[in-house]
Amino acid sequence: MKIILCKDYESLGKAGDVVTVKDGFARNLLIPKGIALKADKTNIQRLENEKKHQELKISKDKKEAELLAEELNKISCTATVTVGEEDKIFGSITTQNIADLLKEKGFEIDRKKIVLQDPIKALGIYEVPIKIHPEVESKIKLWVVKE
């Protein structure tokens, strides 16, 4: 019997794959548990429509991310920090601080998308990468200055 997998199944394949299995396995386990659908004309056509819809959504998200990346590349943020002797910063600049600075500029960026290897602990100018989309990355300029 040919079936369409609705969910990933370890020994058969990934969701959306059309596979052939024994009739009893499909009727008794896969179809009742919602793991698969019988591969008839309507289900195959529905699967193709879902794939097209998903591809359109992915391309739309990528285009929006590219537009946002262009805007973010022009952004420059300034973080003012208190310093001690020899211009040593009290604390550090984290991804949350950078997200807050971007929010003040009008950009709602999740702090998990801001890529910092380590928190910033010194005065200076930094290029901070932001992973907006799996295929789109942007960089902002961050100025860390003393009060």
C-alpha atoms as a PDB file:
ATOM      1  CA  MET A   1       0.000   0.000   0.000  1.00  0.00           C
ATOM      2  CA  LYS A   2       1.299   3.480  -0.852  1.00  0.00           C
ATOM      3  CA  ILE A   3       1.057   6.060   1.906  1.00  0.00           C
ATOM      4  CA  ILE A   4       2.024   9.696   2.488  1.00  0.00           C
ATOM      5  CA  LEU A   5       3.838  10.339   5.754  1.00  0.00           C
ATOM      6  CA  CYS A   6       2.330  13.172   7.805  1.00  0.00           C
ATOM      7  CA  LYS A   7       5.079  12.993  10.436  1.00  0.00           C
ATOM      8  CA  ASP A   8       8.686  11.857  10.419  1.00  0.00           C
ATOM      9  CA  TYR A   9       8.902   8.124  11.054  1.00  0.00           C
ATOM     10  CA  GLU A  10      12.362   6.766  11.790  1.00  0.00           C
ATOM     11  CA  SER A  11      12.323   3.596   9.680  1.00  0.00           C
ATOM     12  CA  LEU A  12      10.242   4.979   6.776  1.00  0.00           C
ATOM     13  CA  GLY A  13      11.190   8.590   6.053  1.00  0.00           C
ATOM     14  CA  LYS A  14      10.329  12.215   6.606  1.00  0.00           C
ATOM     15  CA  ALA A  15       6.986  14.004   6.535  1.00  0.00           C
ATOM     16  CA  GLY A  16       5.721  14.432   2.982  1.00  0.00           C
ATOM     17  CA  ASP A  17       7.446  11.326   1.604  1.00  0.00           C
ATOM     18  CA  VAL A  18       5.387   8.813  -0.390  1.00  0.00           C
ATOM     19  CA  VAL A  19       6.398   5.279   0.624  1.00  0.00           C
ATOM     20  CA  THR A  20       5.158   1.730   0.114  1.00  0.00           C
ATOM     21  CA  VAL A  21       4.433  -0.390   3.206  1.00  0.00           C
ATOM     22  CA  LYS A  22       2.498  -3.553   3.964  1.00  0.00           C
ATOM     23  CA  ASP A  23      -1.268  -3.146   4.118  1.00  0.00           C
ATOM     24  CA  GLY A  24      -1.622  -4.242   7.750  1.00  0.00           C
ATOM     25  CA  PHE A  25       1.139  -1.920   8.961  1.00  0.00           C
ATOM     26  CA  ALA A  26      -0.566   1.044   7.291  1.00  0.00           C
ATOM     27  CA  ARG A  27      -4.144   0.165   8.334  1.00  0.00           C
ATOM     28  CA  ASN A  28      -3.376  -0.922  11.896  1.00  0.00           C
ATOM     29  CA  LEU A  29      -0.657   1.512  12.989  1.00  0.00           C
ATOM     30  CA  LEU A  30       0.248   4.388  10.686  1.00  0.00           C
ATOM     31  CA  ILE A  31      -3.160   5.645   9.540  1.00  0.00           C
ATOM     32  CA  PRO A  32      -5.013   5.334  12.906  1.00  0.00           C
ATOM     33  CA  LYS A  33      -2.225   7.161  14.780  1.00  0.00           C
ATOM     34  CA  GLY A  34      -2.190   9.991  12.230  1.00  0.00           C
ATOM     35  CA  ILE A  35       1.349   9.246  11.106  1.00  0.00           C
ATOM     36  CA  ALA A  36       0.303   8.656   7.490  1.00  0.00           C
ATOM     37  CA  LEU A  37      -2.499   9.058   4.957  1.00  0.00           C
ATOM     38  CA  LYS A  38      -3.448   6.714   2.146  1.00  0.00           C
ATOM     39  CA  ALA A  39      -1.804   7.903  -1.086  1.00  0.00           C
ATOM     40  CA  ASP A  40      -4.840   8.529  -3.279  1.00  0.00           C
ATOM     41  CA  LYS A  41      -5.307  11.347  -5.815  1.00  0.00           C
ATOM     42  CA  THR A  42      -6.835  13.848  -3.397  1.00  0.00           C
ATOM     43  CA  ASN A  43      -4.206  13.339  -0.689  1.00  0.00           C
ATOM     44  CA  ILE A  44      -1.339  13.556  -3.179  1.00  0.00           C
ATOM     45  CA  GLN A  45      -2.772  16.758  -4.628  1.00  0.00           C
ATOM     46  CA  ARG A  46      -3.235  18.190  -1.132  1.00  0.00           C
ATOM     47  CA  LEU A  47       0.400  17.334  -0.347  1.00  0.00           C
ATOM     48  CA  GLU A  48       1.597  19.142  -3.481  1.00  0.00           C
ATOM     49  CA  ASN A  49      -0.499  22.199  -2.621  1.00  0.00           C
ATOM     50  CA  GLU A  50       0.925  22.271   0.919  1.00  0.00           C
ATOM     51  CA  LYS A  51       4.484  22.054  -0.444  1.00  0.00           C
ATOM     52  CA  LYS A  52       3.858  24.966  -2.829  1.00  0.00           C
ATOM     53  CA  HIS A  53       2.301  27.007  -0.026  1.00  0.00           C
ATOM     54  CA  GLN A  54       5.249  26.271   2.250  1.00  0.00           C
ATOM     55  CA  GLU A  55       7.784  27.232  -0.445  1.00  0.00           C
ATOM     56  CA  LEU A  56       5.980  30.538  -1.021  1.00  0.00           C
ATOM     57  CA  LYS A  57       5.983  31.251   2.710  1.00  0.00           C
ATOM     58  CA  ILE A  58       9.704  30.502   2.989  1.00  0.00           C
ATOM     59  CA  SER A  59      10.567  32.758   0.039  1.00  0.00           C
ATOM     60  CA  LYS A  60       8.367  35.563   1.441  1.00  0.00           C
ATOM     61  CA  ASP A  61      10.037  35.286   4.864  1.00  0.00           C
ATOM     62  CA  LYS A  62      13.470  35.405   3.233  1.00  0.00           C
ATOM     63  CA  LYS A  63      12.597  38.541   1.234  1.00  0.00           C
ATOM     64  CA  GLU A  64      11.316  40.269   4.379  1.00  0.00           C
ATOM     65  CA  ALA A  65      14.500  39.266   6.207  1.00  0.00           C
ATOM     66  CA  GLU A  66      16.658  40.683   3.405  1.00  0.00           C
ATOM     67  CA  LEU A  67      14.810  44.015   3.571  1.00  0.00           C
ATOM     68  CA  LEU A  68      15.245  44.126   7.353  1.00  0.00           C
ATOM     69  CA  ALA A  69      18.939  43.258   6.963  1.00  0.00           C
ATOM     70  CA  GLU A  70      19.448  46.217   4.620  1.00  0.00           C
ATOM     71  CA  GLU A  71      17.885  48.557   7.170  1.00  0.00           C
ATOM     72  CA  LEU A  72      19.889  47.071  10.053  1.00  0.00           C
ATOM     73  CA  ASN A  73      23.183  47.430   8.170  1.00  0.00           C
ATOM     74  CA  LYS A  74      22.660  51.205   8.325  1.00  0.00           C
ATOM     75  CA  ILE A  75      22.037  51.220  12.096  1.00  0.00           C
ATOM     76  CA  SER A  76      24.571  52.424  14.614  1.00  0.00           C
ATOM     77  CA  CYS A  77      23.807  52.067  18.338  1.00  0.00           C
ATOM     78  CA  THR A  78      25.557  53.675  21.280  1.00  0.00           C
ATOM     79  CA  ALA A  79      25.758  51.969  24.661  1.00  0.00           C
ATOM     80  CA  THR A  80      26.839  54.249  27.493  1.00  0.00           C
ATOM     81  CA  VAL A  81      28.388  52.431  30.428  1.00  0.00           C
ATOM     82  CA  THR A  82      29.877  53.378  33.748  1.00  0.00           C
ATOM     83  CA  VAL A  83      33.590  52.795  33.988  1.00  0.00           C
ATOM     84  CA  GLY A  84      36.078  52.555  36.780  1.00  0.00           C
ATOM     85  CA  GLU A  85      39.808  53.061  36.885  1.00  0.00           C
ATOM     86  CA  GLU A  86      41.695  52.540  33.619  1.00  0.00           C
ATOM     87  CA  ASP A  87      38.394  52.654  31.665  1.00  0.00           C
ATOM     88  CA  LYS A  88      37.289  49.264  32.948  1.00  0.00           C
ATOM     89  CA  ILE A  89      33.547  48.591  32.466  1.00  0.00           C
ATOM     90  CA  PHE A  90      31.356  47.634  35.410  1.00  0.00           C
ATOM     91  CA  GLY A  91      29.474  44.569  34.132  1.00  0.00           C
ATOM     92  CA  SER A  92      29.200  43.869  30.412  1.00  0.00           C
ATOM     93  CA  ILE A  93      27.104  44.473  27.298  1.00  0.00           C
ATOM     94  CA  THR A  94      24.966  41.395  26.564  1.00  0.00           C
ATOM     95  CA  THR A  95      22.590  40.408  23.777  1.00  0.00           C
ATOM     96  CA  GLN A  96      19.682  41.655  25.893  1.00  0.00           C
ATOM     97  CA  ASN A  97      21.265  45.119  26.138  1.00  0.00           C
ATOM     98  CA  ILE A  98      21.743  45.207  22.370  1.00  0.00           C
ATOM     99  CA  ALA A  99      18.138  44.073  21.804  1.00  0.00           C
ATOM    100  CA  ASP A 100      16.957  46.908  24.074  1.00  0.00           C
ATOM    101  CA  LEU A 101      19.044  49.450  22.128  1.00  0.00           C
ATOM    102  CA  LEU A 102      17.547  48.193  18.858  1.00  0.00           C
ATOM    103  CA  LYS A 103      14.059  48.400  20.351  1.00  0.00           C
ATOM    104  CA  GLU A 104      14.665  52.092  21.119  1.00  0.00           C
ATOM    105  CA  LYS A 105      15.517  52.559  17.416  1.00  0.00           C
ATOM    106  CA  GLY A 106      12.249  50.862  16.411  1.00  0.00           C
ATOM    107  CA  PHE A 107      13.502  47.354  15.572  1.00  0.00           C
ATOM    108  CA  GLU A 108      11.941  44.418  17.427  1.00  0.00           C
ATOM    109  CA  ILE A 109      14.775  41.835  17.316  1.00  0.00           C
ATOM    110  CA  ASP A 110      14.818  38.753  19.536  1.00  0.00           C
ATOM    111  CA  ARG A 111      17.963  38.614  21.663  1.00  0.00           C
ATOM    112  CA  LYS A 112      18.554  35.002  20.573  1.00  0.00           C
ATOM    113  CA  LYS A 113      19.148  36.219  17.024  1.00  0.00           C
ATOM    114  CA  ILE A 114      22.006  38.472  18.124  1.00  0.00           C
ATOM    115  CA  VAL A 115      25.278  36.568  17.826  1.00  0.00           C
ATOM    116  CA  LEU A 116      27.924  37.401  20.423  1.00  0.00           C
ATOM    117  CA  GLN A 117      30.722  34.976  21.206  1.00  0.00           C
ATOM    118  CA  ASP A 118      31.284  36.573  24.611  1.00  0.00           C
ATOM    119  CA  PRO A 119      29.693  39.577  26.354  1.00  0.00           C
ATOM    120  CA  ILE A 120      31.404  42.873  25.509  1.00  0.00           C
ATOM    121  CA  LYS A 121      33.577  44.035  28.413  1.00  0.00           C
ATOM    122  CA  ALA A 122      35.610  46.891  26.930  1.00  0.00           C
ATOM    123  CA  LEU A 123      35.082  50.319  25.412  1.00  0.00           C
ATOM    124  CA  GLY A 124      35.270  50.555  21.629  1.00  0.00           C
ATOM    125  CA  ILE A 125      33.464  50.031  18.338  1.00  0.00           C
ATOM    126  CA  TYR A 126      32.078  46.580  17.554  1.00  0.00           C
ATOM    127  CA  GLU A 127      30.445  44.918  14.547  1.00  0.00           C
ATOM    128  CA  VAL A 128      27.636  42.814  16.008  1.00  0.00           C
ATOM    129  CA  PRO A 129      26.187  40.123  13.709  1.00  0.00           C
ATOM    130  CA  ILE A 130      22.434  39.455  13.772  1.00  0.00           C
ATOM    131  CA  LYS A 131      21.083  36.208  12.311  1.00  0.00           C
ATOM    132  CA  ILE A 132      17.668  37.358  11.047  1.00  0.00           C
ATOM    133  CA  HIS A 133      16.892  34.278   8.929  1.00  0.00           C
ATOM    134  CA  PRO A 134      18.803  31.009   8.465  1.00  0.00           C
ATOM    135  CA  GLU A 135      20.134  32.370   5.165  1.00  0.00           C
ATOM    136  CA  VAL A 136      20.265  36.111   5.970  1.00  0.00           C
ATOM    137  CA  GLU A 137      22.685  37.831   8.350  1.00  0.00           C
ATOM    138  CA  SER A 138      23.118  41.504   9.113  1.00  0.00           C
ATOM    139  CA  LYS A 139      25.641  43.529  11.100  1.00  0.00           C
ATOM    140  CA  ILE A 140      25.116  46.610  13.216  1.00  0.00           C
ATOM    141  CA  LYS A 141      27.745  48.952  14.527  1.00  0.00           C
ATOM    142  CA  LEU A 142      27.837  49.197  18.316  1.00  0.00           C
ATOM    143  CA  TRP A 143      29.680  52.016  20.035  1.00  0.00           C
ATOM    144  CA  VAL A 144      30.507  51.342  23.683  1.00  0.00           C
ATOM    145  CA  VAL A 145      31.350  54.657  25.372  1.00  0.00           C
ATOM    146  CA  LYS A 146      31.718  55.850  28.938  1.00  0.00           C
ATOM    147  CA  GLU A 147      29.189  58.139  30.606  1.00  0.00           C
END
